[in-house]
Amino acid sequence: MREQLKKIWPEIEWIKNPDLKEKTFKCWEYAIENSVLSAEDLEKIPFSLLIKDCNISFMNHKRTAVQLSVEIAKIMKNNFGEEITIDMDILISGAILIDVGKLLEYEIVDGKLSTSREGKLIRHPFSGVAIADRFGIPADVQHIILSHSVEGDLGKRTIESIIVHHADFVSFEPFKADVLKL
């Protein structure tokens, strides 16, 4: 399983803290082991069941959001210098884990991927935090997982969470049906 994860998530290697890197791997291992999906499926399934005829894979979206998060943080650090502090390990782990709970939302009915009853009751930010907490992921990373989606709009976000939230939406919104296309 670890080799499969390294293949689909090379960005985990960007985490410098060995303990946080290991815990991030363990979260994904647990999610895949408890999902109807395999690691290989993540390269094929659409990144959202909310977008009709979505041709962007789950992993393509996820890796784009992680890469955008890192690049945004680098630009901010470069331009703002000591005026801003960004913990890159927290940011990277958080960006990698924001949708780990989605793997527990899915079911396959008549050969089609859909959202399970449980997935409708407990959305992925909450199940993702439960997975992260199970493996001792720091609260700062759990905050990113919990606040990356619309559920986080009611509270305050850390700098890392703001970056990941926007990177996630930048790699989601252009594919929605209501986007202005000229």
C-alpha atoms as a PDB file:
ATOM      1  CA  MET A   1       0.000   0.000   0.000  1.00  0.00           C
ATOM      2  CA  ARG A   2       2.783   2.451   0.898  1.00  0.00           C
ATOM      3  CA  GLU A   3       4.360   2.171  -2.563  1.00  0.00           C
ATOM      4  CA  GLN A   4       0.972   2.847  -4.191  1.00  0.00           C
ATOM      5  CA  LEU A   5       0.552   5.913  -1.997  1.00  0.00           C
ATOM      6  CA  LYS A   6       4.032   7.187  -2.845  1.00  0.00           C
ATOM      7  CA  LYS A   7       3.104   6.858  -6.512  1.00  0.00           C
ATOM      8  CA  ILE A   8      -0.160   8.834  -6.289  1.00  0.00           C
ATOM      9  CA  TRP A   9       1.065  11.223  -3.564  1.00  0.00           C
ATOM     10  CA  PRO A  10       4.718  12.156  -4.270  1.00  0.00           C
ATOM     11  CA  GLU A  11       3.944  15.483  -2.566  1.00  0.00           C
ATOM     12  CA  ILE A  12       3.917  13.740   0.822  1.00  0.00           C
ATOM     13  CA  GLU A  13       7.707  13.608   0.486  1.00  0.00           C
ATOM     14  CA  TRP A  14       7.705  17.438   0.591  1.00  0.00           C
ATOM     15  CA  ILE A  15       6.812  17.248   4.300  1.00  0.00           C
ATOM     16  CA  LYS A  16      10.117  17.647   6.162  1.00  0.00           C
ATOM     17  CA  ASN A  17       8.941  16.563   9.610  1.00  0.00           C
ATOM     18  CA  PRO A  18       9.259  12.741   9.547  1.00  0.00           C
ATOM     19  CA  ASP A  19       6.560  12.223  12.194  1.00  0.00           C
ATOM     20  CA  LEU A  20       4.020  14.379  10.341  1.00  0.00           C
ATOM     21  CA  LYS A  21       4.940  12.719   7.038  1.00  0.00           C
ATOM     22  CA  GLU A  22       4.354   9.257   8.535  1.00  0.00           C
ATOM     23  CA  LYS A  23       1.040  10.289  10.090  1.00  0.00           C
ATOM     24  CA  THR A  24      -0.096  11.779   6.770  1.00  0.00           C
ATOM     25  CA  PHE A  25       0.680   8.468   5.038  1.00  0.00           C
ATOM     26  CA  LYS A  26      -1.203   6.546   7.755  1.00  0.00           C
ATOM     27  CA  CYS A  27      -4.330   8.673   7.261  1.00  0.00           C
ATOM     28  CA  TRP A  28      -4.404   7.848   3.565  1.00  0.00           C
ATOM     29  CA  GLU A  29      -3.703   4.169   4.197  1.00  0.00           C
ATOM     30  CA  TYR A  30      -6.611   4.014   6.644  1.00  0.00           C
ATOM     31  CA  ALA A  31      -8.970   5.856   4.294  1.00  0.00           C
ATOM     32  CA  ILE A  32      -8.183   3.553   1.375  1.00  0.00           C
ATOM     33  CA  GLU A  33      -8.442   0.426   3.537  1.00  0.00           C
ATOM     34  CA  ASN A  34     -11.908   1.567   4.686  1.00  0.00           C
ATOM     35  CA  SER A  35     -13.157   2.733   1.300  1.00  0.00           C
ATOM     36  CA  VAL A  36     -14.874   0.972  -1.584  1.00  0.00           C
ATOM     37  CA  LEU A  37     -12.097   2.487  -3.721  1.00  0.00           C
ATOM     38  CA  SER A  38      -8.490   1.513  -4.295  1.00  0.00           C
ATOM     39  CA  ALA A  39      -5.510   3.832  -4.693  1.00  0.00           C
ATOM     40  CA  GLU A  40      -5.668   3.187  -8.450  1.00  0.00           C
ATOM     41  CA  ASP A  41      -9.353   4.181  -8.538  1.00  0.00           C
ATOM     42  CA  LEU A  42      -8.434   7.666  -7.299  1.00  0.00           C
ATOM     43  CA  GLU A  43      -6.585   8.285 -10.570  1.00  0.00           C
ATOM     44  CA  LYS A  44      -9.792   7.490 -12.513  1.00  0.00           C
ATOM     45  CA  ILE A  45     -12.846   8.650 -10.563  1.00  0.00           C
ATOM     46  CA  PRO A  46     -14.122  12.219 -11.060  1.00  0.00           C
ATOM     47  CA  PHE A  47     -12.963  14.646  -8.411  1.00  0.00           C
ATOM     48  CA  SER A  48     -16.531  15.678  -7.706  1.00  0.00           C
ATOM     49  CA  LEU A  49     -19.876  13.968  -8.018  1.00  0.00           C
ATOM     50  CA  LEU A  50     -21.442  17.449  -8.011  1.00  0.00           C
ATOM     51  CA  ILE A  51     -20.175  18.226 -11.529  1.00  0.00           C
ATOM     52  CA  LYS A  52     -21.965  16.523 -14.408  1.00  0.00           C
ATOM     53  CA  ASP A  53     -19.636  14.711 -16.822  1.00  0.00           C
ATOM     54  CA  CYS A  54     -16.548  15.674 -14.811  1.00  0.00           C
ATOM     55  CA  ASN A  55     -13.416  14.495 -16.643  1.00  0.00           C
ATOM     56  CA  ILE A  56     -10.895  15.685 -14.038  1.00  0.00           C
ATOM     57  CA  SER A  57      -9.775  12.855 -11.765  1.00  0.00           C
ATOM     58  CA  PHE A  58      -9.805  12.957  -7.986  1.00  0.00           C
ATOM     59  CA  MET A  59      -5.999  12.833  -7.834  1.00  0.00           C
ATOM     60  CA  ASN A  60      -5.552  15.434 -10.578  1.00  0.00           C
ATOM     61  CA  HIS A  61      -7.685  17.866  -8.585  1.00  0.00           C
ATOM     62  CA  LYS A  62      -6.054  16.946  -5.263  1.00  0.00           C
ATOM     63  CA  ARG A  63      -2.482  17.252  -6.486  1.00  0.00           C
ATOM     64  CA  THR A  64      -3.315  20.547  -8.229  1.00  0.00           C
ATOM     65  CA  ALA A  65      -4.722  21.954  -4.983  1.00  0.00           C
ATOM     66  CA  VAL A  66      -1.579  20.886  -3.080  1.00  0.00           C
ATOM     67  CA  GLN A  67       0.759  22.309  -5.707  1.00  0.00           C
ATOM     68  CA  LEU A  68      -1.198  25.574  -5.880  1.00  0.00           C
ATOM     69  CA  SER A  69      -1.087  25.849  -2.076  1.00  0.00           C
ATOM     70  CA  VAL A  70       2.696  25.459  -2.042  1.00  0.00           C
ATOM     71  CA  GLU A  71       3.241  27.946  -4.863  1.00  0.00           C
ATOM     72  CA  ILE A  72       0.919  30.534  -3.283  1.00  0.00           C
ATOM     73  CA  ALA A  73       2.764  30.169   0.035  1.00  0.00           C
ATOM     74  CA  LYS A  74       6.165  30.554  -1.654  1.00  0.00           C
ATOM     75  CA  ILE A  75       5.057  33.702  -3.461  1.00  0.00           C
ATOM     76  CA  MET A  76       3.608  35.159  -0.278  1.00  0.00           C
ATOM     77  CA  LYS A  77       6.776  34.399   1.693  1.00  0.00           C
ATOM     78  CA  ASN A  78       8.926  35.829  -1.097  1.00  0.00           C
ATOM     79  CA  ASN A  79       6.903  39.038  -1.368  1.00  0.00           C
ATOM     80  CA  PHE A  80       5.987  39.629   2.276  1.00  0.00           C
ATOM     81  CA  GLY A  81       9.168  38.347   3.920  1.00  0.00           C
ATOM     82  CA  GLU A  82       9.152  38.457   7.700  1.00  0.00           C
ATOM     83  CA  GLU A  83       5.704  40.056   7.762  1.00  0.00           C
ATOM     84  CA  ILE A  84       4.133  36.631   7.272  1.00  0.00           C
ATOM     85  CA  THR A  85       4.808  33.241   8.820  1.00  0.00           C
ATOM     86  CA  ILE A  86       3.695  30.102   6.994  1.00  0.00           C
ATOM     87  CA  ASP A  87       4.416  26.617   8.308  1.00  0.00           C
ATOM     88  CA  MET A  88       5.015  24.702   5.082  1.00  0.00           C
ATOM     89  CA  ASP A  89       4.757  21.248   6.690  1.00  0.00           C
ATOM     90  CA  ILE A  90       1.374  22.118   8.199  1.00  0.00           C
ATOM     91  CA  LEU A  91       0.219  23.608   4.897  1.00  0.00           C
ATOM     92  CA  ILE A  92       1.367  20.614   2.808  1.00  0.00           C
ATOM     93  CA  SER A  93      -0.036  17.972   5.162  1.00  0.00           C
ATOM     94  CA  GLY A  94      -3.312  19.890   5.409  1.00  0.00           C
ATOM     95  CA  ALA A  95      -3.607  20.302   1.647  1.00  0.00           C
ATOM     96  CA  ILE A  96      -2.937  16.582   1.149  1.00  0.00           C
ATOM     97  CA  LEU A  97      -5.504  15.591   3.780  1.00  0.00           C
ATOM     98  CA  ILE A  98      -8.421  17.952   3.053  1.00  0.00           C
ATOM     99  CA  ASP A  99     -10.336  15.318   1.088  1.00  0.00           C
ATOM    100  CA  VAL A 100      -9.133  12.144   2.833  1.00  0.00           C
ATOM    101  CA  GLY A 101     -12.607  11.814   4.376  1.00  0.00           C
ATOM    102  CA  LYS A 102     -14.213  11.697   0.920  1.00  0.00           C
ATOM    103  CA  LEU A 103     -13.049   8.118   0.575  1.00  0.00           C
ATOM    104  CA  LEU A 104     -15.488   7.194   3.359  1.00  0.00           C
ATOM    105  CA  GLU A 105     -18.370   9.025   1.620  1.00  0.00           C
ATOM    106  CA  TYR A 106     -18.516   6.816  -1.445  1.00  0.00           C
ATOM    107  CA  GLU A 107     -20.494   3.704  -2.292  1.00  0.00           C
ATOM    108  CA  ILE A 108     -20.906   1.815  -5.535  1.00  0.00           C
ATOM    109  CA  VAL A 109     -24.480   1.064  -6.565  1.00  0.00           C
ATOM    110  CA  ASP A 110     -25.151  -0.840  -9.786  1.00  0.00           C
ATOM    111  CA  GLY A 111     -21.558  -0.211 -10.845  1.00  0.00           C
ATOM    112  CA  LYS A 112     -21.850   3.564 -10.385  1.00  0.00           C
ATOM    113  CA  LEU A 113     -20.013   5.683  -7.842  1.00  0.00           C
ATOM    114  CA  SER A 114     -22.311   7.681  -5.579  1.00  0.00           C
ATOM    115  CA  THR A 115     -22.454   9.298  -2.179  1.00  0.00           C
ATOM    116  CA  SER A 116     -23.531   6.928   0.581  1.00  0.00           C
ATOM    117  CA  ARG A 117     -26.154   7.732   3.199  1.00  0.00           C
ATOM    118  CA  GLU A 118     -23.312   8.127   5.716  1.00  0.00           C
ATOM    119  CA  GLY A 119     -21.509  10.464   3.329  1.00  0.00           C
ATOM    120  CA  LYS A 120     -24.601  12.641   3.105  1.00  0.00           C
ATOM    121  CA  LEU A 121     -24.918  12.731   6.893  1.00  0.00           C
ATOM    122  CA  ILE A 122     -21.241  13.351   7.702  1.00  0.00           C
ATOM    123  CA  ARG A 123     -19.415  15.334   5.045  1.00  0.00           C
ATOM    124  CA  HIS A 124     -15.720  14.799   4.365  1.00  0.00           C
ATOM    125  CA  PRO A 125     -14.366  17.742   6.412  1.00  0.00           C
ATOM    126  CA  PHE A 126     -15.733  16.028   9.527  1.00  0.00           C
ATOM    127  CA  SER A 127     -14.795  12.457   8.647  1.00  0.00           C
ATOM    128  CA  GLY A 128     -11.386  13.769   7.535  1.00  0.00           C
ATOM    129  CA  VAL A 129     -10.789  15.335  10.953  1.00  0.00           C
ATOM    130  CA  ALA A 130     -11.844  12.063  12.606  1.00  0.00           C
ATOM    131  CA  ILE A 131      -9.266  10.171  10.528  1.00  0.00           C
ATOM    132  CA  ALA A 132      -6.582  12.776  11.221  1.00  0.00           C
ATOM    133  CA  ASP A 133      -7.270  12.732  14.950  1.00  0.00           C
ATOM    134  CA  ARG A 134      -7.081   8.919  14.999  1.00  0.00           C
ATOM    135  CA  PHE A 135      -3.451   9.187  13.857  1.00  0.00           C
ATOM    136  CA  GLY A 136      -2.396  12.136  16.019  1.00  0.00           C
ATOM    137  CA  ILE A 137      -2.308  14.751  13.261  1.00  0.00           C
ATOM    138  CA  PRO A 138      -1.731  18.184  14.868  1.00  0.00           C
ATOM    139  CA  ALA A 139      -4.699  20.489  15.475  1.00  0.00           C
ATOM    140  CA  ASP A 140      -3.308  23.017  12.970  1.00  0.00           C
ATOM    141  CA  VAL A 141      -3.642  20.434  10.187  1.00  0.00           C
ATOM    142  CA  GLN A 142      -7.052  19.302  11.442  1.00  0.00           C
ATOM    143  CA  HIS A 143      -8.122  22.957  11.284  1.00  0.00           C
ATOM    144  CA  ILE A 144      -7.194  23.048   7.573  1.00  0.00           C
ATOM    145  CA  ILE A 145      -9.171  19.865   6.903  1.00  0.00           C
ATOM    146  CA  LEU A 146     -12.224  21.144   8.763  1.00  0.00           C
ATOM    147  CA  SER A 147     -12.196  24.679   7.355  1.00  0.00           C
ATOM    148  CA  HIS A 148     -11.230  24.044   3.712  1.00  0.00           C
ATOM    149  CA  SER A 149     -14.811  23.844   2.445  1.00  0.00           C
ATOM    150  CA  VAL A 150     -17.974  25.865   2.966  1.00  0.00           C
ATOM    151  CA  GLU A 151     -18.268  24.530   6.524  1.00  0.00           C
ATOM    152  CA  GLY A 152     -15.258  26.688   7.366  1.00  0.00           C
ATOM    153  CA  ASP A 153     -16.903  29.911   6.194  1.00  0.00           C
ATOM    154  CA  LEU A 154     -18.447  30.492   9.623  1.00  0.00           C
ATOM    155  CA  GLY A 155     -15.154  30.617  11.511  1.00  0.00           C
ATOM    156  CA  LYS A 156     -11.729  32.176  11.294  1.00  0.00           C
ATOM    157  CA  ARG A 157      -8.982  30.484   9.308  1.00  0.00           C
ATOM    158  CA  THR A 158      -5.234  30.332   9.887  1.00  0.00           C
ATOM    159  CA  ILE A 159      -2.934  31.626   7.144  1.00  0.00           C
ATOM    160  CA  GLU A 160      -2.245  28.052   6.023  1.00  0.00           C
ATOM    161  CA  SER A 161      -5.974  27.300   5.967  1.00  0.00           C
ATOM    162  CA  ILE A 162      -6.748  30.435   3.942  1.00  0.00           C
ATOM    163  CA  ILE A 163      -4.200  29.403   1.324  1.00  0.00           C
ATOM    164  CA  VAL A 164      -5.430  25.798   1.090  1.00  0.00           C
ATOM    165  CA  HIS A 165      -9.086  26.874   1.011  1.00  0.00           C
ATOM    166  CA  HIS A 166      -8.492  29.174  -1.951  1.00  0.00           C
ATOM    167  CA  ALA A 167      -6.236  26.709  -3.783  1.00  0.00           C
ATOM    168  CA  ASP A 168      -8.924  24.040  -3.420  1.00  0.00           C
ATOM    169  CA  PHE A 169     -11.634  26.308  -4.804  1.00  0.00           C
ATOM    170  CA  VAL A 170      -9.411  27.592  -7.630  1.00  0.00           C
ATOM    171  CA  SER A 171      -9.009  23.978  -8.756  1.00  0.00           C
ATOM    172  CA  PHE A 172     -12.759  23.274  -8.363  1.00  0.00           C
ATOM    173  CA  GLU A 173     -14.770  26.326  -9.452  1.00  0.00           C
ATOM    174  CA  PRO A 174     -13.652  26.476 -13.132  1.00  0.00           C
ATOM    175  CA  PHE A 175     -15.313  23.109 -13.757  1.00  0.00           C
ATOM    176  CA  LYS A 176     -18.759  24.005 -12.417  1.00  0.00           C
ATOM    177  CA  ALA A 177     -21.581  24.376 -14.922  1.00  0.00           C
ATOM    178  CA  ASP A 178     -22.368  27.956 -13.892  1.00  0.00           C
ATOM    179  CA  VAL A 179     -18.916  29.337 -14.798  1.00  0.00           C
ATOM    180  CA  LEU A 180     -19.056  32.101 -17.375  1.00  0.00           C
ATOM    181  CA  LYS A 181     -17.590  30.733 -20.595  1.00  0.00           C
ATOM    182  CA  LEU A 182     -17.153  33.162 -23.455  1.00  0.00           C
END
